[in-house]
Amino acid sequence: MSTREQIIDAALSVVRTQGVSALTLDEAARVAGISKGGVLYHFKSKEALIQGMVARLSSQCENLQQAHYDQLPPGPNRWARALVATSFDPAAPTMDPAGCALLAAIATNPSLLEPLEGTIDTAFRRLTEDSRDPSMALLVALAMDGLWLHRLVGSPVMDETRRLAIREKALELLGETTSAETPAKIPQSAR
């Protein structure tokens, strides 16, 4: 593992265990077991480190969605179906408390989300190009975002039964019969 990846791992660990407010370059260096100068070589500021963390989580999410896509049968809305599968995958970065904390914390500084701009653009393009009804595919994508936001804020309204009902309805809207649609086992290397 590269030093850069080691620093990002350490920073994510800080956010998971101590909260995003505890994330500093000094703390990331301490947890990574390297000097602050070593951190500064790779990340010139805390903001650059956060962007690196967001880019990592984004890449992990893209890889997982691609793995789900590869496991699904061909047909319309394949990317949207992969998005639904990713949204409910326990290994998804959106399930990681560190990812949730980071995105909530950087809401005050939207420039830190720059690593996601291309990912979001690509995802929406895929969804619309892959669908007979692009508006429905986008509606399902936005519903998955809403589901994630409920998880982010700890909404008591969204218990497991309701979450699964939303999953079934999303797949139904995409023209899928849900009885045959089970989450595919994704190899660990894709996660």
Protein backbone atom coordinates (compact mmCIF):
# COMPACT_ATOMS: atom_id res chain seq x y z
CA MET A 1 0.00 0.00 0.00
CA SER A 2 1.32 3.42 -0.93
CA THR A 3 1.98 6.08 1.69
CA ARG A 4 -0.81 8.19 0.20
CA GLU A 5 -3.30 5.32 0.62
CA GLN A 6 -2.00 4.69 4.14
CA ILE A 7 -2.69 8.34 5.03
CA ILE A 8 -6.22 8.15 3.60
CA ASP A 9 -6.86 4.93 5.56
CA ALA A 10 -5.63 6.65 8.72
CA ALA A 11 -7.78 9.73 8.09
CA LEU A 12 -10.88 7.57 7.51
CA SER A 13 -10.09 5.72 10.75
CA VAL A 14 -9.91 9.04 12.61
CA VAL A 15 -13.30 10.07 11.26
CA ARG A 16 -14.84 6.67 12.12
CA THR A 17 -13.50 6.54 15.67
CA GLN A 18 -13.25 10.18 16.73
CA GLY A 19 -15.55 12.07 14.40
CA VAL A 20 -14.83 14.46 11.56
CA SER A 21 -14.06 17.33 13.93
CA ALA A 22 -11.01 15.40 15.19
CA LEU A 23 -9.52 15.10 11.71
CA THR A 24 -6.33 17.11 11.46
CA LEU A 25 -3.15 16.54 9.50
CA ASP A 26 -1.37 15.90 12.81
CA GLU A 27 -3.91 13.24 13.83
CA ALA A 28 -3.82 11.57 10.41
CA ALA A 29 -0.03 11.47 10.65
CA ARG A 30 -0.13 10.01 14.17
CA VAL A 31 -2.59 7.26 13.20
CA ALA A 32 -0.70 6.51 9.97
CA GLY A 33 2.55 6.30 11.92
CA ILE A 34 4.36 8.84 9.76
CA SER A 35 5.56 12.39 10.22
CA LYS A 36 3.38 15.39 9.55
CA GLY A 37 5.85 16.28 6.82
CA GLY A 38 5.06 12.94 5.18
CA VAL A 39 1.37 13.85 5.20
CA LEU A 40 2.10 17.33 3.85
CA TYR A 41 4.12 15.82 0.99
CA HIS A 42 0.94 14.09 -0.24
CA PHE A 43 -1.72 16.51 1.01
CA LYS A 44 -0.93 20.22 1.26
CA SER A 45 -3.92 20.93 3.51
CA LYS A 46 -6.74 19.31 5.45
CA GLU A 47 -9.03 20.21 2.55
CA ALA A 48 -6.77 18.33 0.11
CA LEU A 49 -6.84 15.32 2.44
CA ILE A 50 -10.64 15.44 2.59
CA GLN A 51 -10.76 15.63 -1.22
CA GLY A 52 -8.50 12.57 -1.35
CA MET A 53 -10.82 10.75 1.05
CA VAL A 54 -13.90 11.70 -0.98
CA ALA A 55 -12.15 10.59 -4.19
CA ARG A 56 -11.34 7.23 -2.58
CA LEU A 57 -14.91 6.68 -1.42
CA SER A 58 -16.22 7.74 -4.84
CA SER A 59 -13.90 5.30 -6.59
CA GLN A 60 -14.97 2.50 -4.26
CA CYS A 61 -18.62 3.26 -4.97
CA GLU A 62 -18.00 3.30 -8.74
CA ASN A 63 -16.16 -0.03 -8.56
CA LEU A 64 -18.94 -1.62 -6.53
CA GLN A 65 -21.62 -0.32 -8.89
CA GLN A 66 -19.63 -1.66 -11.86
CA ALA A 67 -19.38 -5.05 -10.15
CA HIS A 68 -23.16 -5.10 -9.60
CA TYR A 69 -23.70 -4.02 -13.22
CA ASP A 70 -21.51 -6.87 -14.43
CA GLN A 71 -23.54 -9.37 -12.38
CA LEU A 72 -26.96 -8.22 -13.60
CA PRO A 73 -28.65 -9.56 -16.72
CA PRO A 74 -28.52 -7.24 -19.74
CA GLY A 75 -31.51 -5.09 -20.52
CA PRO A 76 -32.99 -1.68 -19.98
CA ASN A 77 -32.22 0.10 -16.73
CA ARG A 78 -29.21 -2.11 -16.01
CA TRP A 79 -27.28 0.86 -14.58
CA ALA A 80 -30.28 1.92 -12.50
CA ARG A 81 -30.67 -1.64 -11.21
CA ALA A 82 -26.96 -1.67 -10.36
CA LEU A 83 -27.43 1.61 -8.49
CA VAL A 84 -30.26 0.10 -6.44
CA ALA A 85 -28.13 -2.98 -5.67
CA THR A 86 -25.21 -0.75 -4.67
CA SER A 87 -27.45 1.40 -2.48
CA PHE A 88 -28.42 -1.69 -0.47
CA ASP A 89 -25.01 -3.35 -0.42
CA PRO A 90 -23.58 -3.38 3.13
CA ALA A 91 -20.10 -2.88 1.65
CA ALA A 92 -21.09 0.35 -0.12
CA PRO A 93 -19.14 3.45 0.93
CA THR A 94 -22.48 5.14 1.56
CA MET A 95 -22.92 2.67 4.44
CA ASP A 96 -19.56 3.71 5.91
CA PRO A 97 -20.01 6.13 8.81
CA ALA A 98 -16.81 7.89 7.74
CA GLY A 99 -18.21 8.58 4.28
CA CYS A 100 -21.43 9.90 5.74
CA ALA A 101 -19.60 12.10 8.23
CA LEU A 102 -17.29 13.48 5.57
CA LEU A 103 -20.06 14.42 3.19
CA ALA A 104 -22.09 16.00 5.97
CA ALA A 105 -19.09 18.00 7.18
CA ILE A 106 -18.11 19.30 3.76
CA ALA A 107 -21.58 20.54 2.98
CA THR A 108 -20.31 23.88 4.25
CA ASN A 109 -17.51 23.86 1.66
CA PRO A 110 -18.90 22.54 -1.66
CA SER A 111 -15.53 22.85 -3.40
CA LEU A 112 -14.42 19.78 -1.44
CA LEU A 113 -16.93 17.76 -3.44
CA GLU A 114 -15.09 18.40 -6.71
CA PRO A 115 -13.87 14.77 -6.88
CA LEU A 116 -17.52 13.69 -7.14
CA GLU A 117 -18.56 15.96 -9.99
CA GLY A 118 -17.31 13.69 -12.77
CA THR A 119 -18.64 10.60 -11.02
CA ILE A 120 -22.12 12.07 -10.68
CA ASP A 121 -22.12 13.28 -14.29
CA THR A 122 -21.05 9.84 -15.56
CA ALA A 123 -23.62 8.07 -13.39
CA PHE A 124 -26.52 10.23 -14.59
CA ARG A 125 -25.40 9.89 -18.22
CA ARG A 126 -25.27 6.09 -17.88
CA LEU A 127 -28.67 6.00 -16.22
CA THR A 128 -30.36 8.02 -18.94
CA GLU A 129 -28.63 6.32 -21.89
CA ASP A 130 -29.47 2.87 -20.53
CA SER A 131 -33.17 3.47 -19.96
CA ARG A 132 -36.33 3.46 -22.05
CA ASP A 133 -37.67 6.03 -19.59
CA PRO A 134 -34.76 8.27 -18.51
CA SER A 135 -36.96 10.29 -16.16
CA MET A 136 -37.95 7.13 -14.28
CA ALA A 137 -34.30 6.05 -14.00
CA LEU A 138 -33.36 9.47 -12.62
CA LEU A 139 -36.31 9.37 -10.24
CA VAL A 140 -35.09 6.05 -8.84
CA ALA A 141 -31.53 7.42 -8.58
CA LEU A 142 -32.77 10.44 -6.65
CA ALA A 143 -34.82 8.14 -4.39
CA MET A 144 -31.62 6.19 -3.62
CA ASP A 145 -29.94 9.51 -2.75
CA GLY A 146 -32.87 10.33 -0.47
CA LEU A 147 -32.58 6.94 1.19
CA TRP A 148 -28.90 7.61 1.83
CA LEU A 149 -29.71 11.04 3.29
CA HIS A 150 -32.18 9.43 5.70
CA ARG A 151 -29.40 7.09 6.80
CA LEU A 152 -27.04 10.06 7.09
CA VAL A 153 -29.27 11.96 9.50
CA GLY A 154 -30.34 8.83 11.39
CA SER A 155 -34.01 9.15 10.49
CA PRO A 156 -36.11 6.92 12.74
CA VAL A 157 -38.78 6.79 10.02
CA MET A 158 -36.64 4.62 7.75
CA ASP A 159 -36.51 1.23 9.46
CA GLU A 160 -35.32 -1.93 7.66
CA THR A 161 -38.84 -2.96 6.60
CA ARG A 162 -39.45 0.39 4.91
CA ARG A 163 -35.99 0.38 3.32
CA LEU A 164 -36.63 -3.02 1.76
CA ALA A 165 -40.08 -1.92 0.58
CA ILE A 166 -38.43 1.05 -1.15
CA ARG A 167 -35.92 -1.29 -2.77
CA GLU A 168 -38.73 -3.48 -4.10
CA LYS A 169 -40.70 -0.47 -5.38
CA ALA A 170 -37.61 0.98 -7.07
CA LEU A 171 -37.00 -2.29 -8.91
CA GLU A 172 -40.70 -2.49 -9.80
CA LEU A 173 -40.58 1.02 -11.27
CA LEU A 174 -37.59 -0.05 -13.33
CA GLY A 175 -39.65 -2.88 -14.76
CA GLU A 176 -38.10 -5.66 -12.72
CA THR A 177 -39.88 -8.50 -11.03
CA THR A 178 -38.45 -8.40 -7.54
CA SER A 179 -38.87 -12.08 -6.68
CA ALA A 180 -35.98 -12.99 -9.02
CA GLU A 181 -33.92 -9.92 -8.22
CA THR A 182 -31.57 -10.76 -5.37
CA PRO A 183 -28.38 -8.91 -4.59
CA ALA A 184 -25.46 -10.54 -6.37
CA LYS A 185 -22.45 -11.68 -4.42
CA ILE A 186 -19.72 -9.25 -5.32
CA PRO A 187 -16.10 -10.40 -5.05
CA GLN A 188 -14.13 -8.72 -2.28
CA SER A 189 -11.66 -7.39 -4.87
CA ALA A 190 -14.43 -5.17 -6.30
CA ARG A 191 -15.18 -3.62 -2.95
